[in-house]
C-alpha atoms as a PDB file:
ATOM      1  CA  MET A   1    -146.113-167.775 -95.450  1.00  0.00           C
ATOM      2  CA  ALA A   2    -143.502-165.061 -94.976  1.00  0.00           C
ATOM      3  CA  LEU A   3    -142.746-166.872 -91.710  1.00  0.00           C
ATOM      4  CA  VAL A   4    -141.791-170.008 -93.631  1.00  0.00           C
ATOM      5  CA  ALA A   5    -139.833-168.289 -96.396  1.00  0.00           C
ATOM      6  CA  GLY A   6    -137.994-165.983 -94.013  1.00  0.00           C
ATOM      7  CA  GLY A   7    -137.210-168.761 -91.559  1.00  0.00           C
ATOM      8  CA  ILE A   8    -135.737-171.054 -94.203  1.00  0.00           C
ATOM      9  CA  ALA A   9    -133.722-168.241 -95.784  1.00  0.00           C
ATOM     10  CA  GLY A  10    -132.337-166.959 -92.480  1.00  0.00           C
ATOM     11  CA  THR A  11    -131.270-170.361 -91.204  1.00  0.00           C
ATOM     12  CA  THR A  12    -129.584-171.216 -94.507  1.00  0.00           C
ATOM     13  CA  VAL A  13    -127.420-168.103 -94.313  1.00  0.00           C
ATOM     14  CA  ASP A  14    -126.546-168.202 -90.622  1.00  0.00           C
ATOM     15  CA  VAL A  15    -125.463-171.834 -90.671  1.00  0.00           C
ATOM     16  CA  SER A  16    -123.541-171.805 -93.956  1.00  0.00           C
ATOM     17  CA  LEU A  17    -121.640-168.582 -93.233  1.00  0.00           C
ATOM     18  CA  HIS A  18    -121.099-168.952 -89.487  1.00  0.00           C
ATOM     19  CA  PRO A  19    -117.261-169.132 -89.738  1.00  0.00           C
ATOM     20  CA  LEU A  20    -117.154-165.698 -91.404  1.00  0.00           C
ATOM     21  CA  ASP A  21    -119.310-164.264 -88.645  1.00  0.00           C
ATOM     22  CA  THR A  22    -116.954-165.749 -86.045  1.00  0.00           C
ATOM     23  CA  LEU A  23    -113.982-164.009 -87.684  1.00  0.00           C
ATOM     24  CA  ARG A  24    -115.910-160.706 -87.664  1.00  0.00           C
ATOM     25  CA  VAL A  25    -116.685-160.998 -83.951  1.00  0.00           C
ATOM     26  CA  ARG A  26    -113.090-161.877 -83.081  1.00  0.00           C
ATOM     27  CA  LEU A  27    -111.719-158.962 -85.090  1.00  0.00           C
ATOM     28  CA  GLN A  28    -114.020-156.626 -83.166  1.00  0.00           C
ATOM     29  CA  ASP A  29    -113.156-158.055 -79.729  1.00  0.00           C
ATOM     30  CA  SER A  30    -111.349-155.496 -77.534  1.00  0.00           C
ATOM     31  CA  ARG A  31    -108.669-158.105 -76.687  1.00  0.00           C
ATOM     32  CA  GLY A  32    -107.674-158.484 -80.314  1.00  0.00           C
ATOM     33  CA  PHE A  33    -108.216-161.135 -82.970  1.00  0.00           C
ATOM     34  CA  TRP A  34    -105.684-163.721 -81.804  1.00  0.00           C
ATOM     35  CA  LYS A  35    -106.596-163.598 -78.116  1.00  0.00           C
ATOM     36  CA  ALA A  36    -110.234-163.995 -79.099  1.00  0.00           C
ATOM     37  CA  GLY A  37    -109.409-167.267 -80.877  1.00  0.00           C
ATOM     38  CA  GLY A  38    -107.887-166.351 -84.227  1.00  0.00           C
ATOM     39  CA  PHE A  39    -108.762-168.857 -86.936  1.00  0.00           C
ATOM     40  CA  HIS A  40    -109.296-171.719 -84.494  1.00  0.00           C
ATOM     41  CA  GLY A  41    -112.750-173.166 -83.841  1.00  0.00           C
ATOM     42  CA  THR A  42    -114.720-170.914 -86.179  1.00  0.00           C
ATOM     43  CA  TYR A  43    -117.845-173.058 -85.782  1.00  0.00           C
ATOM     44  CA  LYS A  44    -118.186-172.255 -82.085  1.00  0.00           C
ATOM     45  CA  GLY A  45    -121.695-171.086 -81.272  1.00  0.00           C
ATOM     46  CA  ILE A  46    -123.218-172.426 -84.483  1.00  0.00           C
ATOM     47  CA  VAL A  47    -125.968-174.381 -82.694  1.00  0.00           C
ATOM     48  CA  THR A  48    -127.122-171.307 -80.777  1.00  0.00           C
ATOM     49  CA  ALA A  49    -127.004-169.219 -83.954  1.00  0.00           C
ATOM     50  CA  ALA A  50    -129.111-171.795 -85.799  1.00  0.00           C
ATOM     51  CA  ILE A  51    -131.677-171.986 -82.995  1.00  0.00           C
ATOM     52  CA  GLY A  52    -132.195-168.216 -83.015  1.00  0.00           C
ATOM     53  CA  SER A  53    -132.003-167.812 -86.768  1.00  0.00           C
ATOM     54  CA  THR A  54    -135.346-169.275 -87.825  1.00  0.00           C
ATOM     55  CA  PRO A  55    -137.619-167.367 -85.400  1.00  0.00           C
ATOM     56  CA  GLY A  56    -135.574-164.179 -85.908  1.00  0.00           C
ATOM     57  CA  ALA A  57    -135.826-164.259 -89.696  1.00  0.00           C
ATOM     58  CA  ALA A  58    -139.468-165.303 -89.551  1.00  0.00           C
ATOM     59  CA  ALA A  59    -140.294-162.424 -87.192  1.00  0.00           C
ATOM     60  CA  PHE A  60    -138.556-160.001 -89.523  1.00  0.00           C
ATOM     61  CA  PHE A  61    -140.221-161.054 -92.754  1.00  0.00           C
ATOM     62  CA  SER A  62    -143.715-161.510 -91.339  1.00  0.00           C
ATOM     63  CA  THR A  63    -143.531-157.969 -89.918  1.00  0.00           C
ATOM     64  CA  TYR A  64    -141.899-156.616 -93.081  1.00  0.00           C
ATOM     65  CA  GLU A  65    -144.487-158.044 -95.479  1.00  0.00           C
ATOM     66  CA  THR A  66    -147.381-156.999 -93.238  1.00  0.00           C
ATOM     67  CA  GLY A  67    -145.951-153.497 -92.901  1.00  0.00           C
ATOM     68  CA  LYS A  68    -145.510-153.132 -96.657  1.00  0.00           C
ATOM     69  CA  THR A  69    -149.089-154.213 -97.283  1.00  0.00           C
ATOM     70  CA  VAL A  70    -150.548-151.819 -94.700  1.00  0.00           C
ATOM     71  CA  LEU A  71    -148.479-148.857 -95.907  1.00  0.00           C
ATOM     72  CA  LYS A  72    -149.277-149.551 -99.556  1.00  0.00           C
ATOM     73  CA  LYS A  73    -153.006-149.649 -98.819  1.00  0.00           C
ATOM     74  CA  SER A  74    -152.764-146.403 -96.853  1.00  0.00           C
ATOM     75  CA  SER A  75    -151.193-144.765 -99.924  1.00  0.00           C
ATOM     76  CA  GLY A  76    -153.942-145.793-102.299  1.00  0.00           C
ATOM     77  CA  GLY A  77    -152.141-148.858-103.601  1.00  0.00           C
ATOM     78  CA  LYS A  78    -149.021-146.990-104.692  1.00  0.00           C
ATOM     79  CA  GLU A  79    -145.625-148.126-103.453  1.00  0.00           C
ATOM     80  CA  LYS A  80    -143.234-145.511-102.060  1.00  0.00           C
ATOM     81  CA  TRP A  81    -139.539-145.952-101.240  1.00  0.00           C
ATOM     82  CA  TRP A  82    -140.175-145.206 -97.586  1.00  0.00           C
ATOM     83  CA  HIS A  83    -142.688-148.044 -97.365  1.00  0.00           C
ATOM     84  CA  HIS A  84    -139.859-150.564 -97.675  1.00  0.00           C
ATOM     85  CA  ALA A  85    -137.596-148.633 -95.304  1.00  0.00           C
ATOM     86  CA  THR A  86    -140.269-148.242 -92.634  1.00  0.00           C
ATOM     87  CA  ALA A  87    -141.574-151.797 -92.928  1.00  0.00           C
ATOM     88  CA  SER A  88    -138.075-153.273 -92.801  1.00  0.00           C
ATOM     89  CA  SER A  89    -137.184-151.139 -89.769  1.00  0.00           C
ATOM     90  CA  CYS A  90    -140.253-152.446 -87.948  1.00  0.00           C
ATOM     91  CA  GLY A  91    -139.227-155.940 -88.977  1.00  0.00           C
ATOM     92  CA  GLU A  92    -135.725-155.455 -87.596  1.00  0.00           C
ATOM     93  CA  VAL A  93    -137.039-154.253 -84.232  1.00  0.00           C
ATOM     94  CA  ALA A  94    -139.356-157.273 -84.002  1.00  0.00           C
ATOM     95  CA  ALA A  95    -136.489-159.620 -84.881  1.00  0.00           C
ATOM     96  CA  CYS A  96    -134.195-158.032 -82.281  1.00  0.00           C
ATOM     97  CA  PHE A  97    -136.279-159.503 -79.464  1.00  0.00           C
ATOM     98  CA  VAL A  98    -135.058-162.895 -80.673  1.00  0.00           C
ATOM     99  CA  ARG A  99    -131.658-161.925 -82.057  1.00  0.00           C
ATOM    100  CA  VAL A 100    -130.207-160.153 -79.031  1.00  0.00           C
ATOM    101  CA  PRO A 101    -130.291-163.071 -76.544  1.00  0.00           C
ATOM    102  CA  THR A 102    -129.019-165.555 -79.123  1.00  0.00           C
ATOM    103  CA  ALA A 103    -126.351-163.119 -80.353  1.00  0.00           C
ATOM    104  CA  ILE A 104    -125.014-162.605 -76.825  1.00  0.00           C
ATOM    105  CA  VAL A 105    -124.793-166.344 -76.152  1.00  0.00           C
ATOM    106  CA  THR A 106    -123.347-167.080 -79.606  1.00  0.00           C
ATOM    107  CA  GLN A 107    -120.719-164.333 -79.556  1.00  0.00           C
ATOM    108  CA  ARG A 108    -119.496-165.207 -76.070  1.00  0.00           C
ATOM    109  CA  GLN A 109    -118.930-168.742 -77.312  1.00  0.00           C
ATOM    110  CA  GLN A 110    -117.225-167.482 -80.468  1.00  0.00           C
ATOM    111  CA  VAL A 111    -114.550-165.591 -78.512  1.00  0.00           C
ATOM    112  CA  GLY A 112    -114.031-168.369 -75.976  1.00  0.00           C
ATOM    113  CA  GLN A 113    -115.654-166.823 -72.904  1.00  0.00           C
ATOM    114  CA  TYR A 114    -117.677-170.020 -72.528  1.00  0.00           C
ATOM    115  CA  ALA A 115    -117.118-173.526 -73.871  1.00  0.00           C
ATOM    116  CA  SER A 116    -120.770-174.341 -74.503  1.00  0.00           C
ATOM    117  CA  ALA A 117    -124.168-172.754 -74.962  1.00  0.00           C
ATOM    118  CA  GLN A 118    -125.281-174.093 -71.596  1.00  0.00           C
ATOM    119  CA  GLU A 119    -122.331-172.462 -69.827  1.00  0.00           C
ATOM    120  CA  ALA A 120    -122.929-169.215 -71.714  1.00  0.00           C
ATOM    121  CA  VAL A 121    -126.596-169.126 -70.730  1.00  0.00           C
ATOM    122  CA  LYS A 122    -125.828-169.861 -67.069  1.00  0.00           C
ATOM    123  CA  GLY A 123    -122.944-167.389 -66.906  1.00  0.00           C
ATOM    124  CA  THR A 124    -124.898-164.622 -68.601  1.00  0.00           C
ATOM    125  CA  TYR A 125    -127.886-165.173 -66.310  1.00  0.00           C
ATOM    126  CA  ARG A 126    -125.675-165.074 -63.208  1.00  0.00           C
ATOM    127  CA  SER A 127    -124.228-161.754 -64.325  1.00  0.00           C
ATOM    128  CA  GLY A 128    -127.563-159.944 -64.402  1.00  0.00           C
ATOM    129  CA  GLY A 129    -130.604-162.159 -64.678  1.00  0.00           C
ATOM    130  CA  ILE A 130    -132.918-162.010 -67.693  1.00  0.00           C
ATOM    131  CA  GLY A 131    -131.857-158.420 -68.361  1.00  0.00           C
ATOM    132  CA  ALA A 132    -128.316-159.584 -69.121  1.00  0.00           C
ATOM    133  CA  PHE A 133    -129.625-161.301 -72.244  1.00  0.00           C
ATOM    134  CA  TYR A 134    -130.823-157.966 -73.606  1.00  0.00           C
ATOM    135  CA  ILE A 135    -127.665-155.921 -73.061  1.00  0.00           C
ATOM    136  CA  GLY A 136    -127.008-154.114 -76.304  1.00  0.00           C
ATOM    137  CA  PHE A 137    -130.629-154.262 -77.477  1.00  0.00           C
ATOM    138  CA  SER A 138    -130.832-150.527 -78.166  1.00  0.00           C
ATOM    139  CA  THR A 139    -127.456-150.595 -79.919  1.00  0.00           C
ATOM    140  CA  LEU A 140    -128.512-153.465 -82.168  1.00  0.00           C
ATOM    141  CA  VAL A 141    -131.690-151.581 -83.023  1.00  0.00           C
ATOM    142  CA  ALA A 142    -129.555-148.485 -83.689  1.00  0.00           C
ATOM    143  CA  ARG A 143    -127.550-150.565 -86.163  1.00  0.00           C
ATOM    144  CA  GLU A 144    -130.442-152.400 -87.774  1.00  0.00           C
ATOM    145  CA  ILE A 145    -132.692-149.422 -88.516  1.00  0.00           C
ATOM    146  CA  PRO A 146    -130.161-147.488 -90.642  1.00  0.00           C
ATOM    147  CA  PHE A 147    -129.096-150.806 -92.193  1.00  0.00           C
ATOM    148  CA  ALA A 148    -132.706-151.489 -93.167  1.00  0.00           C
ATOM    149  CA  PHE A 149    -133.244-147.929 -94.432  1.00  0.00           C
ATOM    150  CA  ILE A 150    -130.263-148.417 -96.732  1.00  0.00           C
ATOM    151  CA  GLN A 151    -130.640-152.063 -97.740  1.00  0.00           C
ATOM    152  CA  PHE A 152    -134.307-152.584 -98.513  1.00  0.00           C
ATOM    153  CA  PRO A 153    -135.003-149.480-100.619  1.00  0.00           C
ATOM    154  CA  ILE A 154    -131.924-150.398-102.698  1.00  0.00           C
ATOM    155  CA  TYR A 155    -133.075-154.018-102.922  1.00  0.00           C
ATOM    156  CA  GLU A 156    -136.621-153.189-103.980  1.00  0.00           C
ATOM    157  CA  ASN A 157    -135.460-150.453-106.373  1.00  0.00           C
ATOM    158  CA  LEU A 158    -132.949-152.747-108.073  1.00  0.00           C
ATOM    159  CA  LYS A 159    -135.633-155.415-108.489  1.00  0.00           C
ATOM    160  CA  LEU A 160    -138.059-152.890-109.963  1.00  0.00           C
ATOM    161  CA  ARG A 161    -135.502-151.471-112.400  1.00  0.00           C
ATOM    162  CA  TRP A 162    -134.362-154.928-113.477  1.00  0.00           C
ATOM    163  CA  SER A 163    -137.899-156.205-114.063  1.00  0.00           C
ATOM    164  CA  THR A 164    -138.789-153.005-115.948  1.00  0.00           C
ATOM    165  CA  TYR A 165    -135.681-153.332-118.108  1.00  0.00           C
ATOM    166  CA  GLN A 166    -136.420-156.921-119.143  1.00  0.00           C
ATOM    167  CA  GLY A 167    -140.176-156.462-119.299  1.00  0.00           C
ATOM    168  CA  SER A 168    -141.047-159.273-116.896  1.00  0.00           C
ATOM    169  CA  GLN A 169    -140.744-160.329-113.270  1.00  0.00           C
ATOM    170  CA  ILE A 170    -137.199-161.152-112.211  1.00  0.00           C
ATOM    171  CA  GLY A 171    -136.261-164.657-111.102  1.00  0.00           C
ATOM    172  CA  PRO A 172    -134.841-165.856-107.774  1.00  0.00           C
ATOM    173  CA  VAL A 173    -131.218-165.567-108.933  1.00  0.00           C
ATOM    174  CA  GLN A 174    -131.740-161.982-110.068  1.00  0.00           C
ATOM    175  CA  GLY A 175    -133.443-161.194-106.769  1.00  0.00           C
ATOM    176  CA  ALA A 176    -130.475-162.729-104.987  1.00  0.00           C
ATOM    177  CA  VAL A 177    -128.062-160.469-106.882  1.00  0.00           C
ATOM    178  CA  CYS A 178    -130.115-157.401-105.927  1.00  0.00           C
ATOM    179  CA  GLY A 179    -130.111-158.453-102.280  1.00  0.00           C
ATOM    180  CA  SER A 180    -126.382-159.111-102.365  1.00  0.00           C
ATOM    181  CA  ILE A 181    -125.560-155.643-103.701  1.00  0.00           C
ATOM    182  CA  ALA A 182    -127.936-153.893-101.310  1.00  0.00           C
ATOM    183  CA  GLY A 183    -126.572-155.785 -98.324  1.00  0.00           C
ATOM    184  CA  ALA A 184    -122.943-155.063 -99.163  1.00  0.00           C
ATOM    185  CA  VAL A 185    -123.568-151.316 -99.327  1.00  0.00           C
ATOM    186  CA  ALA A 186    -125.593-151.244 -96.104  1.00  0.00           C
ATOM    187  CA  GLY A 187    -123.131-153.504 -94.304  1.00  0.00           C
ATOM    188  CA  ALA A 188    -120.106-151.371 -95.080  1.00  0.00           C
ATOM    189  CA  ILE A 189    -121.792-148.130 -94.032  1.00  0.00           C
ATOM    190  CA  THR A 190    -123.061-149.500 -90.704  1.00  0.00           C
ATOM    191  CA  THR A 191    -119.837-151.257 -89.626  1.00  0.00           C
ATOM    192  CA  PRO A 192    -119.012-148.723 -86.842  1.00  0.00           C
ATOM    193  CA  LEU A 193    -122.378-149.457 -85.234  1.00  0.00           C
ATOM    194  CA  ASP A 194    -121.683-153.166 -85.587  1.00  0.00           C
ATOM    195  CA  VAL A 195    -118.347-152.788 -83.776  1.00  0.00           C
ATOM    196  CA  CYS A 196    -120.124-150.873 -81.024  1.00  0.00           C
ATOM    197  CA  LYS A 197    -122.796-153.561 -80.714  1.00  0.00           C
ATOM    198  CA  THR A 198    -120.229-156.355 -80.495  1.00  0.00           C
ATOM    199  CA  ARG A 199    -118.196-154.611 -77.774  1.00  0.00           C
ATOM    200  CA  ILE A 200    -121.291-154.045 -75.638  1.00  0.00           C
ATOM    201  CA  MET A 201    -122.502-157.633 -76.004  1.00  0.00           C
ATOM    202  CA  LEU A 202    -119.107-159.189 -75.328  1.00  0.00           C
ATOM    203  CA  GLU A 203    -118.327-157.147 -72.229  1.00  0.00           C
ATOM    204  CA  ASN A 204    -118.798-159.404 -69.231  1.00  0.00           C
ATOM    205  CA  PRO A 205    -117.220-157.622 -66.229  1.00  0.00           C
ATOM    206  CA  ALA A 206    -116.422-159.491 -63.028  1.00  0.00           C
ATOM    207  CA  GLU A 207    -118.653-158.913 -60.018  1.00  0.00           C
ATOM    208  CA  GLY A 208    -118.042-155.502 -58.490  1.00  0.00           C
ATOM    209  CA  PHE A 209    -116.651-153.983 -61.681  1.00  0.00           C
ATOM    210  CA  ALA A 210    -118.601-151.438 -63.719  1.00  0.00           C
ATOM    211  CA  ARG A 211    -119.247-151.795 -67.437  1.00  0.00           C
ATOM    212  CA  ARG A 212    -117.085-149.600 -69.682  1.00  0.00           C
ATOM    213  CA  TYR A 213    -119.325-149.809 -72.729  1.00  0.00           C
ATOM    214  CA  THR A 214    -122.620-148.382 -71.519  1.00  0.00           C
ATOM    215  CA  GLY A 215    -124.347-147.030 -74.606  1.00  0.00           C
ATOM    216  CA  THR A 216    -124.038-146.536 -78.350  1.00  0.00           C
ATOM    217  CA  VAL A 217    -122.657-142.993 -78.396  1.00  0.00           C
ATOM    218  CA  THR A 218    -120.452-143.524 -75.325  1.00  0.00           C
ATOM    219  CA  THR A 219    -118.990-146.702 -76.804  1.00  0.00           C
ATOM    220  CA  LEU A 220    -118.305-145.110 -80.184  1.00  0.00           C
ATOM    221  CA  LYS A 221    -116.473-142.241 -78.490  1.00  0.00           C
ATOM    222  CA  LEU A 222    -114.515-144.545 -76.172  1.00  0.00           C
ATOM    223  CA  ILE A 223    -113.325-146.807 -78.988  1.00  0.00           C
ATOM    224  CA  ALA A 224    -112.304-143.852 -81.151  1.00  0.00           C
ATOM    225  CA  ALA A 225    -110.472-142.171 -78.252  1.00  0.00           C
ATOM    226  CA  GLU A 226    -108.579-145.268 -77.091  1.00  0.00           C
ATOM    227  CA  GLU A 227    -107.929-147.072 -80.376  1.00  0.00           C
ATOM    228  CA  GLY A 228    -108.368-144.455 -83.070  1.00  0.00           C
ATOM    229  CA  ALA A 229    -111.209-143.910 -85.525  1.00  0.00           C
ATOM    230  CA  THR A 230    -110.035-146.792 -87.731  1.00  0.00           C
ATOM    231  CA  ALA A 231    -110.943-149.226 -84.936  1.00  0.00           C
ATOM    232  CA  LEU A 232    -114.585-148.491 -85.728  1.00  0.00           C
ATOM    233  CA  CYS A 233    -114.073-150.300 -89.026  1.00  0.00           C
ATOM    234  CA  LYS A 234    -112.692-153.510 -87.512  1.00  0.00           C
ATOM    235  CA  GLY A 235    -114.206-156.574 -89.090  1.00  0.00           C
ATOM    236  CA  ILE A 236    -115.485-154.691 -92.128  1.00  0.00           C
ATOM    237  CA  GLN A 237    -113.988-157.198 -94.586  1.00  0.00           C
ATOM    238  CA  PRO A 238    -115.618-160.366 -93.206  1.00  0.00           C
ATOM    239  CA  ARG A 239    -118.788-158.386 -92.458  1.00  0.00           C
ATOM    240  CA  VAL A 240    -119.141-157.178 -96.058  1.00  0.00           C
ATOM    241  CA  ILE A 241    -118.182-160.586 -97.471  1.00  0.00           C
ATOM    242  CA  TRP A 242    -120.633-162.298 -95.094  1.00  0.00           C
ATOM    243  CA  ILE A 243    -123.468-159.944 -96.013  1.00  0.00           C
ATOM    244  CA  THR A 244    -122.678-160.047 -99.743  1.00  0.00           C
ATOM    245  CA  ILE A 245    -122.714-163.841 -99.889  1.00  0.00           C
ATOM    246  CA  GLY A 246    -125.420-163.999 -97.245  1.00  0.00           C
ATOM    247  CA  GLY A 247    -127.559-161.517 -99.144  1.00  0.00           C
ATOM    248  CA  PHE A 248    -127.329-163.672-102.259  1.00  0.00           C
ATOM    249  CA  VAL A 249    -128.233-166.850-100.380  1.00  0.00           C
ATOM    250  CA  PHE A 250    -130.855-165.184 -98.162  1.00  0.00           C
ATOM    251  CA  PHE A 251    -132.760-163.297-100.827  1.00  0.00           C
ATOM    252  CA  GLY A 252    -132.290-166.113-103.318  1.00  0.00           C
ATOM    253  CA  ALA A 253    -133.800-168.607-100.886  1.00  0.00           C
ATOM    254  CA  TYR A 254    -136.546-166.163 -99.920  1.00  0.00           C
ATOM    255  CA  GLU A 255    -137.474-165.415-103.540  1.00  0.00           C
ATOM    256  CA  THR A 256    -137.414-169.134-104.407  1.00  0.00           C
ATOM    257  CA  VAL A 257    -139.620-170.147-101.482  1.00  0.00           C
ATOM    258  CA  THR A 258    -142.117-167.321-102.006  1.00  0.00           C
ATOM    259  CA  LYS A 259    -142.323-168.037-105.743  1.00  0.00           C
ATOM    260  CA  THR A 260    -142.866-171.745-105.069  1.00  0.00           C
ATOM    261  CA  LEU A 261    -145.567-171.068-102.480  1.00  0.00           C
ATOM    262  CA  TRP A 262    -147.227-168.639-104.868  1.00  0.00           C
ATOM    263  CA  ASN A 263    -147.182-171.100-107.787  1.00  0.00           C
ATOM    264  CA  VAL A 264    -148.755-173.904-105.758  1.00  0.00           C
ATOM    265  CA  GLY A 265    -151.441-171.552-104.481  1.00  0.00           C
ATOM    266  CA  ILE A 266    -150.386-171.446-100.825  1.00  0.00           C
ATOM    267  CA  TRP A 267    -149.351-167.778-100.825  1.00  0.00           C
ATOM    268  CA  LYS A 268    -151.672-165.371-102.590  1.00  0.00           C
END
């Protein structure tokens, strides 16, 4: 049932907050915000984002919940902070197999490289076959794992403290607040890795030209050397706002769906 809850929650966030994500991508584009499209057409790529959202979120939460259960059993039924961090990291890696191809197609539409998803898919395939859809995979994983290690322990800890304080299980809205806070902190800290990921995914060199952004560390160094260290924080405002609001919607929807499924006896 984590597949259902996670899928609904993920799609809700990605569709409702797509314009903010578009602004983030354009701010991080090497050409600059205005050349990447500015405030025009912020819904570009929304269909592709929606298509990849449900399976990506479902893959994450099914892996996350399974991982938590296995780790808890291996520790004699006691929950540890690293259970959430490890399980969520595994979930992020599983989700990346879906997220990377859809992110590449979506982002290239968002900055105007292609006018449609069909053109983006064809153009990306021509540039390097199936492998071109997984450019930046390792960098996305490098961003998601520290994000998960920061976000989910905070999220679970806040929920535990809140429920302990009030003497009962917290509700969906309270869970949403916990997710919002945890996401904002993790999002701000991992922004440099997000900038790096965006640059790698957006780079689409003409035939015969070598890629400039070839890896996480190399890209971080290149951006800092050419544009200054502050460039590694480009897009931090819309990213944090997106994750803060998204965290509230995502975890709120997830908590609501899981609670509903539990109450009707579907999820036990």
